[in-house]
Amino acid sequence: MADADLVLSTAKLNAVVAHRHGDLTATVQAGATLDAVNRTLAAHGQWLPLDPPWSDRATIGGIVATNDSGPRRHRYGTPRDLIIGVEIVRADGILAKAGGIVVKNVAGYDLSRLVTGSFGSLGLIVSATFKLYPLPTASRTVVIDGSSQQLGALLAALIASQLTPSAIELEAPPGRLLVRFETIDVAADQQAASVVSMAEREGATARIVLGEDERTAWVEHARRPWAGDGAVARMSVLRAAVVPMAEWLIGAFPDAEIVGRAGVGVLLACIGGDAPEQARAVTELRSRIPAGQGSVVVVRGSDELKSCIDVWGPIGDGLPMMRAIKQQFDPRGILNPGRGPGGL
């Protein structure tokens, strides 16, 4: 990883450039915070349904560059699923646009999705255009406590059901699911009651929270893996492996804390101890995931941890393509050099 020579800020690029509320789309500058954007969009009863932690500080450019998402990923997807256009400054200083209301793409790529999750290695994001959704008028969350067996069975039942939650989240320890419904009042009440009945049939304990209690529960849930000073790893696994993987990690490393998208197979684990212990946990997690069925990426760790383990882990056969794209967009390697997978 190379030292940074220059840091660029987009903090003053913070406007909602265009809100085409009739088309449910908006173009937003990269330095605008998610909270500020959604306050503006709410004037027409719409929103951008992304929910990374600290949305009052998370900027649109940062969210796109990291493809960051939160519990609502279950229903709405990641930024890559919502973005329809982007404007970037290339490494040579040329302004490039793609998607959205612009007809022609750049260099044959789906540039909007290509730069989403690129960690600033392909260009400086200036603005992005997203598809929006109507604001829901009601929200209910069912909090379910139970054993790993009960939660695993309930998760499978939820996925197979006709219910439409916006989030299905796991917490461990203790073993807990949070299931959220955001829609109209009647539908939210009915679906939440159905989940309570499903949980009770499995022998788990369930309760419905709403209002300020619900808001507090979700704030605490989102920030839980980041509250301590341990390393944070993001695991992507098959949905059927979510509960078993969490159970194994807590058993092998009792200080670990896990939250995540149980319905899509993405978990965040905060791992305590010193750097060698954290490296051992990450290595063992990777060894338990068959090739092609997931990954473990260190998203927060000390310099010591980064010196003794590859934070990205095995990349597979996609690295040559990544290098070719990096070479085309940034041939001199001046944008975030060495910070991507495989040292890109």
Protein backbone atom coordinates (compact mmCIF):
# COMPACT_ATOMS: atom_id res chain seq x y z
CA MET A 1 0.00 0.00 0.00
CA ALA A 2 1.43 3.37 -1.06
CA ASP A 3 1.33 6.53 1.04
CA ALA A 4 -1.17 9.18 -0.04
CA ASP A 5 0.30 12.28 -1.68
CA LEU A 6 -2.96 14.21 -1.97
CA VAL A 7 -6.42 13.87 -0.43
CA LEU A 8 -9.43 15.31 -2.29
CA SER A 9 -12.62 16.30 -0.50
CA THR A 10 -16.08 16.56 -2.05
CA ALA A 11 -17.63 18.04 1.10
CA LYS A 12 -18.80 21.20 -0.70
CA LEU A 13 -20.43 19.21 -3.49
CA ASN A 14 -23.49 18.59 -1.34
CA ALA A 15 -26.60 19.46 -3.34
CA VAL A 16 -29.53 17.47 -4.67
CA VAL A 17 -28.99 18.49 -8.29
CA ALA A 18 -32.33 17.26 -9.60
CA HIS A 19 -35.28 15.47 -8.03
CA ARG A 20 -37.49 14.12 -10.80
CA HIS A 21 -40.22 13.07 -8.39
CA GLY A 22 -42.61 12.12 -11.19
CA ASP A 23 -40.06 9.55 -12.39
CA LEU A 24 -38.88 8.52 -8.91
CA THR A 25 -35.25 9.45 -9.64
CA ALA A 26 -32.79 11.95 -8.20
CA THR A 27 -29.28 13.16 -9.02
CA VAL A 28 -27.20 13.96 -5.94
CA GLN A 29 -23.70 15.36 -5.52
CA ALA A 30 -21.11 13.14 -3.86
CA GLY A 31 -20.50 15.21 -0.73
CA ALA A 32 -24.14 15.28 0.42
CA THR A 33 -24.94 13.17 3.47
CA LEU A 34 -27.61 10.51 3.18
CA ASP A 35 -29.72 12.10 5.94
CA ALA A 36 -29.66 15.49 4.21
CA VAL A 37 -30.62 13.94 0.88
CA ASN A 38 -33.55 12.05 2.36
CA ARG A 39 -34.83 15.17 4.13
CA THR A 40 -34.98 16.88 0.75
CA LEU A 41 -36.60 13.92 -1.00
CA ALA A 42 -39.20 13.58 1.78
CA ALA A 43 -40.85 16.80 0.61
CA HIS A 44 -42.36 14.70 -2.19
CA GLY A 45 -42.89 11.58 -0.08
CA GLN A 46 -39.87 9.74 -1.48
CA TRP A 47 -36.53 8.45 -0.22
CA LEU A 48 -33.31 6.66 -1.08
CA PRO A 49 -33.69 3.50 1.04
CA LEU A 50 -30.06 2.97 2.00
CA ASP A 51 -29.16 2.68 5.69
CA PRO A 52 -25.45 2.37 6.45
CA PRO A 53 -24.43 3.25 10.03
CA TRP A 54 -24.11 6.95 10.83
CA SER A 55 -26.19 8.12 7.90
CA ASP A 56 -25.85 11.66 9.22
CA ARG A 57 -22.16 11.49 8.26
CA ALA A 58 -22.13 8.95 5.43
CA THR A 59 -21.88 10.77 2.10
CA ILE A 60 -23.36 9.69 -1.19
CA GLY A 61 -19.90 9.44 -2.75
CA GLY A 62 -18.61 7.31 0.11
CA ILE A 63 -21.64 5.04 0.06
CA VAL A 64 -21.28 4.47 -3.68
CA ALA A 65 -17.49 4.04 -3.56
CA THR A 66 -17.79 1.32 -0.90
CA ASN A 67 -21.16 -0.11 -2.04
CA ASP A 68 -22.13 0.15 1.63
CA SER A 69 -25.55 -0.90 2.81
CA GLY A 70 -27.45 -1.82 5.94
CA PRO A 71 -30.42 -3.92 7.07
CA ARG A 72 -32.74 -2.65 4.33
CA ARG A 73 -30.52 -4.40 1.79
CA HIS A 74 -32.89 -7.35 2.24
CA ARG A 75 -35.65 -5.56 0.33
CA TYR A 76 -33.98 -2.73 -1.59
CA GLY A 77 -30.54 -4.11 -2.39
CA THR A 78 -27.19 -2.31 -2.31
CA PRO A 79 -26.20 1.02 -3.90
CA ARG A 80 -25.21 -0.99 -6.98
CA ASP A 81 -28.87 -2.04 -7.31
CA LEU A 82 -30.22 1.49 -6.97
CA ILE A 83 -27.74 3.56 -8.97
CA ILE A 84 -28.71 4.36 -12.56
CA GLY A 85 -26.20 7.07 -13.45
CA VAL A 86 -22.88 8.51 -12.36
CA GLU A 87 -20.55 11.41 -13.05
CA ILE A 88 -16.83 10.93 -12.31
CA VAL A 89 -13.56 12.72 -12.83
CA ARG A 90 -11.10 10.35 -14.45
CA ALA A 91 -7.46 10.08 -13.48
CA ASP A 92 -6.56 12.31 -16.46
CA GLY A 93 -8.92 15.04 -15.26
CA ILE A 94 -11.63 14.42 -17.85
CA LEU A 95 -15.24 14.55 -16.64
CA ALA A 96 -17.16 11.42 -17.66
CA LYS A 97 -20.88 10.68 -17.38
CA ALA A 98 -22.87 7.51 -17.80
CA GLY A 99 -26.38 6.20 -17.34
CA GLY A 100 -29.30 8.10 -15.88
CA ILE A 101 -30.56 10.75 -18.26
CA VAL A 102 -27.36 10.49 -20.30
CA VAL A 103 -27.92 8.30 -23.34
CA LYS A 104 -24.41 7.04 -24.10
CA ASN A 105 -22.22 5.06 -21.73
CA VAL A 106 -18.43 5.43 -21.51
CA ALA A 107 -16.00 2.95 -23.08
CA GLY A 108 -18.68 0.25 -23.30
CA TYR A 109 -18.82 -0.31 -19.54
CA ASP A 110 -21.82 -0.09 -17.24
CA LEU A 111 -19.86 2.68 -15.57
CA SER A 112 -22.38 3.36 -12.81
CA ARG A 113 -22.12 -0.15 -11.41
CA LEU A 114 -18.43 -0.44 -12.23
CA VAL A 115 -17.42 2.43 -9.95
CA THR A 116 -19.83 1.31 -7.23
CA GLY A 117 -17.63 -0.55 -4.77
CA SER A 118 -14.41 0.52 -6.53
CA PHE A 119 -13.10 2.37 -3.42
CA GLY A 120 -12.07 5.38 -5.49
CA SER A 121 -9.61 3.36 -7.55
CA LEU A 122 -11.16 4.16 -10.95
CA GLY A 123 -12.20 7.79 -10.63
CA LEU A 124 -13.48 10.52 -8.33
CA ILE A 125 -17.25 10.29 -7.96
CA VAL A 126 -18.83 13.73 -8.44
CA SER A 127 -22.52 12.85 -8.50
CA ALA A 128 -24.82 9.87 -8.78
CA THR A 129 -28.36 9.30 -10.00
CA PHE A 130 -30.60 6.81 -8.19
CA LYS A 131 -34.02 5.30 -8.50
CA LEU A 132 -36.16 6.17 -5.47
CA TYR A 133 -39.04 4.63 -3.54
CA PRO A 134 -42.16 6.08 -1.88
CA LEU A 135 -41.76 6.67 1.84
CA PRO A 136 -43.57 4.01 3.89
CA THR A 137 -46.21 5.33 6.27
CA ALA A 138 -45.76 2.72 9.00
CA SER A 139 -43.06 0.51 10.50
CA ARG A 140 -43.15 -2.49 12.85
CA THR A 141 -40.27 -4.65 14.05
CA VAL A 142 -40.54 -8.12 15.55
CA VAL A 143 -37.71 -8.99 17.95
CA ILE A 144 -37.29 -12.75 18.32
CA ASP A 145 -35.08 -14.50 20.89
CA GLY A 146 -34.34 -18.20 20.62
CA SER A 147 -31.81 -20.97 20.18
CA SER A 148 -29.75 -21.42 17.02
CA GLN A 149 -32.03 -24.27 15.96
CA GLN A 150 -35.17 -22.21 16.50
CA LEU A 151 -33.77 -19.16 14.69
CA GLY A 152 -32.50 -21.25 11.79
CA ALA A 153 -35.89 -22.88 11.30
CA LEU A 154 -37.67 -19.54 11.60
CA LEU A 155 -35.32 -17.90 9.10
CA ALA A 156 -36.02 -20.65 6.57
CA ALA A 157 -39.77 -20.25 7.15
CA LEU A 158 -39.59 -16.49 6.70
CA ILE A 159 -37.71 -16.77 3.42
CA ALA A 160 -40.22 -19.32 2.10
CA SER A 161 -43.25 -17.25 3.17
CA GLN A 162 -45.19 -14.60 1.25
CA LEU A 163 -44.25 -11.92 3.80
CA THR A 164 -42.39 -8.83 2.56
CA PRO A 165 -39.99 -7.62 5.28
CA SER A 166 -37.62 -4.76 4.56
CA ALA A 167 -35.02 -6.32 6.88
CA ILE A 168 -34.24 -9.67 8.50
CA GLU A 169 -31.28 -9.24 10.84
CA LEU A 170 -29.33 -11.59 13.08
CA GLU A 171 -27.66 -10.67 16.39
CA ALA A 172 -25.37 -12.95 18.36
CA PRO A 173 -24.92 -13.21 21.23
CA PRO A 174 -27.64 -13.60 22.32
CA GLY A 175 -29.38 -15.45 19.51
CA ARG A 176 -31.85 -12.94 18.08
CA LEU A 177 -33.63 -12.02 14.86
CA LEU A 178 -35.05 -8.59 14.06
CA VAL A 179 -37.69 -8.61 11.33
CA ARG A 180 -38.93 -5.25 10.06
CA PHE A 181 -41.98 -4.35 7.99
CA GLU A 182 -42.27 -0.88 6.40
CA THR A 183 -45.51 -0.35 4.54
CA ILE A 184 -49.00 0.91 5.46
CA ASP A 185 -50.36 0.44 9.00
CA VAL A 186 -52.72 -2.44 8.33
CA ALA A 187 -50.18 -4.46 6.35
CA ALA A 188 -47.39 -3.81 8.88
CA ASP A 189 -49.59 -4.94 11.77
CA GLN A 190 -50.78 -8.08 9.98
CA GLN A 191 -47.32 -9.17 8.85
CA ALA A 192 -45.74 -8.50 12.24
CA ALA A 193 -48.46 -10.57 13.93
CA SER A 194 -47.82 -13.39 11.45
CA VAL A 195 -44.12 -13.44 12.38
CA VAL A 196 -44.98 -13.56 16.09
CA SER A 197 -47.14 -16.62 15.44
CA MET A 198 -44.40 -18.27 13.37
CA ALA A 199 -41.85 -17.65 16.12
CA GLU A 200 -44.10 -19.04 18.82
CA ARG A 201 -44.67 -22.21 16.78
CA GLU A 202 -40.89 -22.72 16.78
CA GLY A 203 -40.78 -22.21 20.56
CA ALA A 204 -39.03 -18.82 20.34
CA THR A 205 -40.02 -15.64 22.19
CA ALA A 206 -41.24 -12.72 20.08
CA ARG A 207 -42.41 -9.16 20.70
CA ILE A 208 -43.39 -6.25 18.46
CA VAL A 209 -41.71 -2.85 18.89
CA LEU A 210 -42.62 0.42 17.21
CA GLY A 211 -42.15 4.15 17.58
CA GLU A 212 -39.17 5.36 19.60
CA ASP A 213 -38.41 1.87 20.93
CA GLU A 214 -38.13 0.59 17.39
CA ARG A 215 -35.90 3.45 16.28
CA THR A 216 -33.59 2.91 19.25
CA ALA A 217 -33.40 -0.83 18.60
CA TRP A 218 -32.26 -0.29 15.03
CA VAL A 219 -29.72 2.42 15.89
CA GLU A 220 -28.14 0.17 18.53
CA HIS A 221 -28.20 -2.80 16.17
CA ALA A 222 -26.50 -0.93 13.31
CA ARG A 223 -23.73 0.44 15.50
CA ARG A 224 -23.11 -2.68 17.58
CA PRO A 225 -20.21 -4.20 15.58
CA TRP A 226 -18.43 -0.83 15.47
CA ALA A 227 -18.79 0.12 19.13
CA GLY A 228 -15.66 -1.63 20.43
CA ASP A 229 -12.09 -1.45 19.24
CA GLY A 230 -11.85 -4.96 17.79
CA ALA A 231 -11.33 -5.87 14.16
CA VAL A 232 -14.47 -6.00 12.01
CA ALA A 233 -14.81 -8.62 9.29
CA ARG A 234 -17.57 -8.89 6.70
CA MET A 235 -18.59 -12.45 5.85
CA SER A 236 -20.55 -13.38 2.75
CA VAL A 237 -21.94 -16.90 2.97
CA LEU A 238 -24.79 -18.97 1.62
CA ARG A 239 -28.03 -18.10 3.37
CA ALA A 240 -28.30 -21.60 4.84
CA ALA A 241 -24.88 -21.14 6.46
CA VAL A 242 -25.69 -17.88 8.28
CA VAL A 243 -26.82 -19.33 11.62
CA PRO A 244 -24.30 -22.22 11.71
CA MET A 245 -21.42 -19.85 10.90
CA ALA A 246 -22.47 -17.41 13.62
CA GLU A 247 -22.84 -20.25 16.11
CA TRP A 248 -19.37 -21.60 15.30
CA LEU A 249 -17.69 -18.19 15.54
CA ILE A 250 -19.22 -17.39 18.93
CA GLY A 251 -18.23 -20.85 20.18
CA ALA A 252 -14.64 -20.57 18.94
CA PHE A 253 -14.14 -16.90 19.82
CA PRO A 254 -16.49 -16.05 22.73
CA ASP A 255 -15.67 -12.33 22.64
CA ALA A 256 -16.94 -11.98 19.07
CA GLU A 257 -20.15 -10.08 18.29
CA ILE A 258 -22.14 -10.63 15.12
CA VAL A 259 -24.86 -8.71 13.33
CA GLY A 260 -25.96 -8.98 9.75
CA ARG A 261 -28.30 -9.55 6.89
CA ALA A 262 -29.57 -13.02 7.72
CA GLY A 263 -31.83 -13.10 4.68
CA VAL A 264 -29.06 -12.41 2.15
CA GLY A 265 -26.09 -14.10 3.82
CA VAL A 266 -23.96 -11.09 4.84
CA LEU A 267 -22.66 -10.81 8.40
CA LEU A 268 -20.42 -8.36 10.26
CA ALA A 269 -18.30 -9.79 13.06
CA CYS A 270 -16.40 -7.74 15.63
CA ILE A 271 -13.44 -9.82 16.80
CA GLY A 272 -11.51 -8.89 19.93
CA GLY A 273 -8.07 -9.88 21.17
CA ASP A 274 -4.67 -8.95 19.79
CA ALA A 275 -3.73 -8.93 16.10
CA PRO A 276 -2.52 -12.57 15.98
CA GLU A 277 -5.79 -13.75 17.56
CA GLN A 278 -7.82 -11.68 15.11
CA ALA A 279 -5.77 -13.01 12.19
CA ARG A 280 -6.38 -16.57 13.38
CA ALA A 281 -10.13 -15.93 13.54
CA VAL A 282 -10.22 -14.53 10.00
CA THR A 283 -8.08 -17.38 8.67
CA GLU A 284 -10.30 -20.00 10.28
CA LEU A 285 -13.44 -18.30 9.00
CA ARG A 286 -12.06 -18.36 5.46
CA SER A 287 -11.14 -22.02 5.79
CA ARG A 288 -14.76 -22.87 6.66
CA ILE A 289 -16.18 -21.29 3.49
CA PRO A 290 -15.91 -23.52 0.40
CA ALA A 291 -14.40 -21.93 -2.71
CA GLY A 292 -16.97 -19.94 -4.64
CA GLN A 293 -19.47 -19.90 -1.78
CA GLY A 294 -18.47 -16.72 0.02
CA SER A 295 -15.69 -14.55 1.35
CA VAL A 296 -14.31 -12.87 4.46
CA VAL A 297 -13.01 -9.30 4.14
CA VAL A 298 -11.47 -7.27 6.98
CA VAL A 299 -13.22 -3.89 6.87
CA ARG A 300 -11.61 -2.51 10.03
CA GLY A 301 -8.33 -3.57 11.55
CA SER A 302 -5.09 -2.34 13.06
CA ASP A 303 -1.93 -1.80 11.01
CA GLU A 304 -0.49 -4.83 12.80
CA LEU A 305 -3.39 -7.00 11.66
CA LYS A 306 -3.08 -5.74 8.09
CA SER A 307 0.62 -6.56 8.10
CA CYS A 308 0.02 -10.21 8.90
CA ILE A 309 -3.06 -11.03 6.82
CA ASP A 310 -4.50 -10.12 3.43
CA VAL A 311 -7.56 -8.04 4.30
CA TRP A 312 -9.32 -9.03 1.05
CA GLY A 313 -8.64 -12.74 1.13
CA PRO A 314 -8.71 -15.03 -1.93
CA ILE A 315 -9.99 -13.18 -4.99
CA GLY A 316 -10.46 -16.00 -7.48
CA ASP A 317 -10.07 -15.71 -11.23
CA GLY A 318 -11.42 -12.15 -11.44
CA LEU A 319 -8.11 -10.42 -10.64
CA PRO A 320 -6.79 -10.26 -14.24
CA MET A 321 -10.00 -8.50 -15.32
CA MET A 322 -9.74 -6.09 -12.37
CA ARG A 323 -6.16 -5.26 -13.34
CA ALA A 324 -7.14 -4.66 -16.94
CA ILE A 325 -9.93 -2.27 -15.93
CA LYS A 326 -7.64 -0.45 -13.49
CA GLN A 327 -5.03 -0.07 -16.25
CA GLN A 328 -7.58 1.41 -18.63
CA PHE A 329 -9.02 3.91 -16.16
CA ASP A 330 -5.88 4.73 -14.18
CA PRO A 331 -2.77 3.69 -16.16
CA ARG A 332 -0.38 5.60 -13.88
CA GLY A 333 -1.88 4.10 -10.71
CA ILE A 334 -2.50 7.39 -8.90
CA LEU A 335 -5.98 6.71 -7.50
CA ASN A 336 -5.89 4.91 -4.11
CA PRO A 337 -2.88 2.81 -5.15
CA GLY A 338 -2.46 -0.50 -3.40
CA ARG A 339 -5.74 -0.31 -1.46
CA GLY A 340 -7.79 -2.62 -3.64
CA PRO A 341 -7.89 -6.41 -3.99
CA GLY A 342 -4.59 -7.91 -5.10
CA GLY A 343 -2.78 -4.62 -4.45
CA LEU A 344 -4.70 -2.70 -7.12
